[in-house]
Amino acid sequence: MKAYLRLTASVAVVLATGSVPPAVEADPVVVTLDRAEASIGLGQTLRFTSQVRNPGEQDAAGVIAHLNVFATDPGVYVDPEDWSGERTQYLEPIAGGEAETLEWELQAVNSGRFVVYVALSTDQAAAPVTSSKSLQLSVAQERTLDTGGAAPIAAGVPAAVALLMGAAMLRRRRHRPHDKAPAG
């Protein structure tokens, strides 16, 4: 359908202007991820790579790779800056037929289901944006110490120790031989 629409648009331009429109070039670079899914726990780190390939013959210059993450569960807020401190990488020119591997690191700050992908563009005005297929990320909620349950222990242990020490001191005084007063 897209090809039909492009052909129809091209024919319309030729009929209206009498000239052939310039060819629309395909995106010069392609990005793939090293995996399609992953599972980690809340607070854990996920490391993965993406590969940026230049299938063309000309060098691809000014390529920018950007890491993105969003939740698929309604109501789960995602702030990508919390997930990764380095989400953008500026690539050196990639020669035709060559590829560059990029390393990425995410730390899970929310539990739930997420989509992670890498988007590419260039530093040129109105440059197209292309993206990798998604990495489906599942983040399990891990149980942590309930600080509400720790408060009574934190307060109770020192109090119990103080009571035991006080009781021991009282016993010691009671069982200590008293000085006898001189008879008089």
C-alpha atoms as a PDB file:
ATOM      1  CA  MET A   1       0.000   0.000   0.000  1.00  0.00           C
ATOM      2  CA  LYS A   2       2.838   2.408   0.880  1.00  0.00           C
ATOM      3  CA  ALA A   3       4.578   1.684  -2.428  1.00  0.00           C
ATOM      4  CA  TYR A   4       1.303   2.346  -4.280  1.00  0.00           C
ATOM      5  CA  LEU A   5       0.865   5.686  -2.480  1.00  0.00           C
ATOM      6  CA  ARG A   6       4.459   6.734  -3.239  1.00  0.00           C
ATOM      7  CA  LEU A   7       4.012   5.802  -6.894  1.00  0.00           C
ATOM      8  CA  THR A   8       0.728   7.714  -7.073  1.00  0.00           C
ATOM      9  CA  ALA A   9       2.343  10.769  -5.465  1.00  0.00           C
ATOM     10  CA  SER A  10       5.300  10.586  -7.869  1.00  0.00           C
ATOM     11  CA  VAL A  11       2.986  10.373 -10.885  1.00  0.00           C
ATOM     12  CA  ALA A  12       1.030  13.368  -9.590  1.00  0.00           C
ATOM     13  CA  VAL A  13       4.258  15.404  -9.239  1.00  0.00           C
ATOM     14  CA  VAL A  14       5.347  14.469 -12.788  1.00  0.00           C
ATOM     15  CA  LEU A  15       1.956  15.430 -14.227  1.00  0.00           C
ATOM     16  CA  ALA A  16       1.788  18.693 -12.280  1.00  0.00           C
ATOM     17  CA  THR A  17       5.377  19.884 -12.747  1.00  0.00           C
ATOM     18  CA  GLY A  18       6.645  17.997 -15.748  1.00  0.00           C
ATOM     19  CA  SER A  19       9.709  16.836 -13.778  1.00  0.00           C
ATOM     20  CA  VAL A  20      10.621  13.693 -11.876  1.00  0.00           C
ATOM     21  CA  PRO A  21      10.825  14.081  -8.077  1.00  0.00           C
ATOM     22  CA  PRO A  22      14.115  13.213  -6.369  1.00  0.00           C
ATOM     23  CA  ALA A  23      14.410   9.634  -5.139  1.00  0.00           C
ATOM     24  CA  VAL A  24      13.705   9.065  -1.467  1.00  0.00           C
ATOM     25  CA  GLU A  25      16.680   7.266   0.046  1.00  0.00           C
ATOM     26  CA  ALA A  26      16.338   4.553   2.645  1.00  0.00           C
ATOM     27  CA  ASP A  27      17.654   5.145   6.160  1.00  0.00           C
ATOM     28  CA  PRO A  28      21.443   4.881   5.995  1.00  0.00           C
ATOM     29  CA  VAL A  29      21.859   2.987   9.303  1.00  0.00           C
ATOM     30  CA  VAL A  30      20.108   0.109  11.061  1.00  0.00           C
ATOM     31  CA  VAL A  31      20.112  -0.736  14.763  1.00  0.00           C
ATOM     32  CA  THR A  32      19.555  -4.135  16.391  1.00  0.00           C
ATOM     33  CA  LEU A  33      19.644  -5.291  20.016  1.00  0.00           C
ATOM     34  CA  ASP A  34      21.448  -8.376  21.313  1.00  0.00           C
ATOM     35  CA  ARG A  35      18.236  -9.766  22.845  1.00  0.00           C
ATOM     36  CA  ALA A  36      14.466  -9.480  22.597  1.00  0.00           C
ATOM     37  CA  GLU A  37      13.563 -10.023  26.254  1.00  0.00           C
ATOM     38  CA  ALA A  38      15.029  -9.945  29.744  1.00  0.00           C
ATOM     39  CA  SER A  39      13.909 -10.361  33.358  1.00  0.00           C
ATOM     40  CA  ILE A  40      15.519  -8.719  36.369  1.00  0.00           C
ATOM     41  CA  GLY A  41      14.563  -7.701  39.899  1.00  0.00           C
ATOM     42  CA  LEU A  42      13.837  -4.239  41.223  1.00  0.00           C
ATOM     43  CA  GLY A  43      17.112  -2.381  41.805  1.00  0.00           C
ATOM     44  CA  GLN A  44      19.110  -4.762  39.622  1.00  0.00           C
ATOM     45  CA  THR A  45      21.121  -3.713  36.576  1.00  0.00           C
ATOM     46  CA  LEU A  46      20.611  -4.900  32.999  1.00  0.00           C
ATOM     47  CA  ARG A  47      23.536  -4.696  30.598  1.00  0.00           C
ATOM     48  CA  PHE A  48      22.993  -5.247  26.881  1.00  0.00           C
ATOM     49  CA  THR A  49      24.394  -4.163  23.533  1.00  0.00           C
ATOM     50  CA  SER A  50      23.071  -2.743  20.310  1.00  0.00           C
ATOM     51  CA  GLN A  51      24.707  -2.921  16.922  1.00  0.00           C
ATOM     52  CA  VAL A  52      24.528   0.025  14.533  1.00  0.00           C
ATOM     53  CA  ARG A  53      25.140  -1.115  10.947  1.00  0.00           C
ATOM     54  CA  ASN A  54      25.720   0.988   7.867  1.00  0.00           C
ATOM     55  CA  PRO A  55      24.502  -1.191   4.965  1.00  0.00           C
ATOM     56  CA  GLY A  56      25.180   1.585   2.442  1.00  0.00           C
ATOM     57  CA  GLU A  57      28.323   2.362   0.490  1.00  0.00           C
ATOM     58  CA  GLN A  58      28.882   5.888   1.843  1.00  0.00           C
ATOM     59  CA  ASP A  59      30.096   6.712   5.363  1.00  0.00           C
ATOM     60  CA  ALA A  60      27.322   7.424   7.862  1.00  0.00           C
ATOM     61  CA  ALA A  61      28.395  10.492   9.816  1.00  0.00           C
ATOM     62  CA  GLY A  62      26.792  12.296  12.740  1.00  0.00           C
ATOM     63  CA  VAL A  63      24.822   9.263  13.938  1.00  0.00           C
ATOM     64  CA  ILE A  64      23.300   9.645  17.403  1.00  0.00           C
ATOM     65  CA  ALA A  65      21.982   6.645  19.370  1.00  0.00           C
ATOM     66  CA  HIS A  66      19.496   7.220  22.181  1.00  0.00           C
ATOM     67  CA  LEU A  67      18.222   4.679  24.740  1.00  0.00           C
ATOM     68  CA  ASN A  68      14.508   4.784  25.595  1.00  0.00           C
ATOM     69  CA  VAL A  69      12.298   2.979  28.136  1.00  0.00           C
ATOM     70  CA  PHE A  70       8.574   3.105  28.836  1.00  0.00           C
ATOM     71  CA  ALA A  71       6.087   1.069  30.869  1.00  0.00           C
ATOM     72  CA  THR A  72       3.403  -1.083  29.292  1.00  0.00           C
ATOM     73  CA  ASP A  73       1.507  -1.363  32.599  1.00  0.00           C
ATOM     74  CA  PRO A  74      -0.992   1.480  33.062  1.00  0.00           C
ATOM     75  CA  GLY A  75      -0.203   3.785  35.964  1.00  0.00           C
ATOM     76  CA  VAL A  76       3.527   2.957  36.161  1.00  0.00           C
ATOM     77  CA  TYR A  77       5.549   6.166  35.921  1.00  0.00           C
ATOM     78  CA  VAL A  78       8.921   5.984  34.168  1.00  0.00           C
ATOM     79  CA  ASP A  79      11.559   8.702  34.318  1.00  0.00           C
ATOM     80  CA  PRO A  80      14.240   7.432  31.893  1.00  0.00           C
ATOM     81  CA  GLU A  81      16.948   9.541  33.570  1.00  0.00           C
ATOM     82  CA  ASP A  82      16.430   7.450  36.727  1.00  0.00           C
ATOM     83  CA  TRP A  83      17.001   4.261  34.743  1.00  0.00           C
ATOM     84  CA  SER A  84      20.246   5.284  33.032  1.00  0.00           C
ATOM     85  CA  GLY A  85      22.668   8.157  33.426  1.00  0.00           C
ATOM     86  CA  GLU A  86      24.077   7.683  29.919  1.00  0.00           C
ATOM     87  CA  ARG A  87      21.239   7.372  27.438  1.00  0.00           C
ATOM     88  CA  THR A  88      22.771   9.153  24.425  1.00  0.00           C
ATOM     89  CA  GLN A  89      25.871   8.121  22.465  1.00  0.00           C
ATOM     90  CA  TYR A  90      27.436  10.142  19.634  1.00  0.00           C
ATOM     91  CA  LEU A  91      29.063   7.821  17.115  1.00  0.00           C
ATOM     92  CA  GLU A  92      32.149   8.324  15.008  1.00  0.00           C
ATOM     93  CA  PRO A  93      31.492   7.975  11.251  1.00  0.00           C
ATOM     94  CA  ILE A  94      30.636   4.396  10.294  1.00  0.00           C
ATOM     95  CA  ALA A  95      32.093   3.269   6.982  1.00  0.00           C
ATOM     96  CA  GLY A  96      29.858   1.635   4.383  1.00  0.00           C
ATOM     97  CA  GLY A  97      29.269  -2.034   5.180  1.00  0.00           C
ATOM     98  CA  GLU A  98      30.661  -1.618   8.727  1.00  0.00           C
ATOM     99  CA  ALA A  99      29.023  -1.777  12.168  1.00  0.00           C
ATOM    100  CA  GLU A 100      29.627  -0.424  15.641  1.00  0.00           C
ATOM    101  CA  THR A 101      28.604  -2.145  18.881  1.00  0.00           C
ATOM    102  CA  LEU A 102      27.296   0.048  21.705  1.00  0.00           C
ATOM    103  CA  GLU A 103      27.004  -0.982  25.345  1.00  0.00           C
ATOM    104  CA  TRP A 104      24.028   0.094  27.469  1.00  0.00           C
ATOM    105  CA  GLU A 105      23.196  -0.203  31.165  1.00  0.00           C
ATOM    106  CA  LEU A 106      19.826   0.190  32.883  1.00  0.00           C
ATOM    107  CA  GLN A 107      18.959  -0.010  36.566  1.00  0.00           C
ATOM    108  CA  ALA A 108      15.366  -1.032  37.281  1.00  0.00           C
ATOM    109  CA  VAL A 109      13.700   1.577  39.487  1.00  0.00           C
ATOM    110  CA  ASN A 110      10.116   0.358  38.987  1.00  0.00           C
ATOM    111  CA  SER A 111       8.605  -3.101  38.895  1.00  0.00           C
ATOM    112  CA  GLY A 112       6.361  -4.170  36.034  1.00  0.00           C
ATOM    113  CA  ARG A 113       6.646  -4.661  32.281  1.00  0.00           C
ATOM    114  CA  PHE A 114       8.671  -2.286  30.122  1.00  0.00           C
ATOM    115  CA  VAL A 115       9.738  -1.696  26.531  1.00  0.00           C
ATOM    116  CA  VAL A 116      13.363  -0.750  25.930  1.00  0.00           C
ATOM    117  CA  TYR A 117      14.683   0.333  22.522  1.00  0.00           C
ATOM    118  CA  VAL A 118      17.430   2.364  20.860  1.00  0.00           C
ATOM    119  CA  ALA A 119      16.513   5.165  18.460  1.00  0.00           C
ATOM    120  CA  LEU A 120      18.907   6.543  15.834  1.00  0.00           C
ATOM    121  CA  SER A 121      19.066   9.822  14.001  1.00  0.00           C
ATOM    122  CA  THR A 122      21.740  12.219  12.810  1.00  0.00           C
ATOM    123  CA  ASP A 123      22.701  15.765  13.571  1.00  0.00           C
ATOM    124  CA  GLN A 124      21.149  16.895  10.252  1.00  0.00           C
ATOM    125  CA  ALA A 125      17.980  18.989  10.210  1.00  0.00           C
ATOM    126  CA  ALA A 126      14.808  16.961   9.592  1.00  0.00           C
ATOM    127  CA  ALA A 127      16.773  13.707   9.669  1.00  0.00           C
ATOM    128  CA  PRO A 128      14.648  10.569   9.867  1.00  0.00           C
ATOM    129  CA  VAL A 129      14.515   8.618  13.108  1.00  0.00           C
ATOM    130  CA  THR A 130      14.816   4.852  13.061  1.00  0.00           C
ATOM    131  CA  SER A 131      14.663   2.477  16.003  1.00  0.00           C
ATOM    132  CA  SER A 132      15.525  -1.041  17.004  1.00  0.00           C
ATOM    133  CA  LYS A 133      12.952  -3.689  17.695  1.00  0.00           C
ATOM    134  CA  SER A 134      11.963  -3.661  21.332  1.00  0.00           C
ATOM    135  CA  LEU A 135      13.489  -5.472  24.256  1.00  0.00           C
ATOM    136  CA  GLN A 136      10.619  -6.667  26.462  1.00  0.00           C
ATOM    137  CA  LEU A 137      11.788  -6.178  30.061  1.00  0.00           C
ATOM    138  CA  SER A 138      10.068  -7.723  33.069  1.00  0.00           C
ATOM    139  CA  VAL A 139      11.062  -6.304  36.465  1.00  0.00           C
ATOM    140  CA  ALA A 140       9.997  -8.362  39.488  1.00  0.00           C
ATOM    141  CA  GLN A 141       9.114  -6.693  42.755  1.00  0.00           C
ATOM    142  CA  GLU A 142      11.698  -7.877  45.303  1.00  0.00           C
ATOM    143  CA  ARG A 143      10.826  -7.843  48.977  1.00  0.00           C
ATOM    144  CA  THR A 144      12.929  -5.633  51.193  1.00  0.00           C
ATOM    145  CA  LEU A 145      13.038  -5.155  54.975  1.00  0.00           C
ATOM    146  CA  ASP A 146       9.877  -3.427  56.113  1.00  0.00           C
ATOM    147  CA  THR A 147      11.216  -0.396  57.946  1.00  0.00           C
ATOM    148  CA  GLY A 148       7.902  -0.079  59.801  1.00  0.00           C
ATOM    149  CA  GLY A 149       8.544  -3.493  61.356  1.00  0.00           C
ATOM    150  CA  ALA A 150      12.139  -2.576  62.175  1.00  0.00           C
ATOM    151  CA  ALA A 151      11.265   0.461  64.312  1.00  0.00           C
ATOM    152  CA  PRO A 152       9.929  -1.513  67.329  1.00  0.00           C
ATOM    153  CA  ILE A 153      13.026  -3.729  67.237  1.00  0.00           C
ATOM    154  CA  ALA A 154      15.354  -0.747  66.965  1.00  0.00           C
ATOM    155  CA  ALA A 155      13.705   0.931  69.956  1.00  0.00           C
ATOM    156  CA  GLY A 156      12.937  -2.244  71.935  1.00  0.00           C
ATOM    157  CA  VAL A 157      16.361  -3.876  71.986  1.00  0.00           C
ATOM    158  CA  PRO A 158      18.167  -0.986  73.727  1.00  0.00           C
ATOM    159  CA  ALA A 159      15.267  -0.622  76.208  1.00  0.00           C
ATOM    160  CA  ALA A 160      15.373  -4.348  77.024  1.00  0.00           C
ATOM    161  CA  VAL A 161      19.138  -4.205  77.510  1.00  0.00           C
ATOM    162  CA  ALA A 162      18.756  -1.212  79.846  1.00  0.00           C
ATOM    163  CA  LEU A 163      16.092  -3.026  81.895  1.00  0.00           C
ATOM    164  CA  LEU A 164      18.233  -6.156  82.207  1.00  0.00           C
ATOM    165  CA  MET A 165      21.257  -4.140  83.264  1.00  0.00           C
ATOM    166  CA  GLY A 166      19.206  -2.239  85.852  1.00  0.00           C
ATOM    167  CA  ALA A 167      17.789  -5.470  87.273  1.00  0.00           C
ATOM    168  CA  ALA A 168      21.281  -6.979  87.490  1.00  0.00           C
ATOM    169  CA  MET A 169      22.556  -3.951  89.366  1.00  0.00           C
ATOM    170  CA  LEU A 170      19.667  -4.136  91.853  1.00  0.00           C
ATOM    171  CA  ARG A 171      20.369  -7.814  92.533  1.00  0.00           C
ATOM    172  CA  ARG A 172      24.004  -7.080  93.009  1.00  0.00           C
ATOM    173  CA  ARG A 173      23.233  -4.419  95.635  1.00  0.00           C
ATOM    174  CA  ARG A 174      20.875  -6.717  97.507  1.00  0.00           C
ATOM    175  CA  HIS A 175      23.373  -9.540  97.684  1.00  0.00           C
ATOM    176  CA  ARG A 176      26.345  -7.399  98.582  1.00  0.00           C
ATOM    177  CA  PRO A 177      27.440  -7.709 102.209  1.00  0.00           C
ATOM    178  CA  HIS A 178      26.563  -4.544 104.133  1.00  0.00           C
ATOM    179  CA  ASP A 179      29.043  -2.846 106.334  1.00  0.00           C
ATOM    180  CA  LYS A 180      28.010  -3.387 109.902  1.00  0.00           C
ATOM    181  CA  ALA A 181      27.648  -0.342 112.017  1.00  0.00           C
ATOM    182  CA  PRO A 182      29.841  -0.273 115.144  1.00  0.00           C
ATOM    183  CA  ALA A 183      28.085  -1.538 118.251  1.00  0.00           C
ATOM    184  CA  GLY A 184      27.458   1.102 120.598  1.00  0.00           C
END
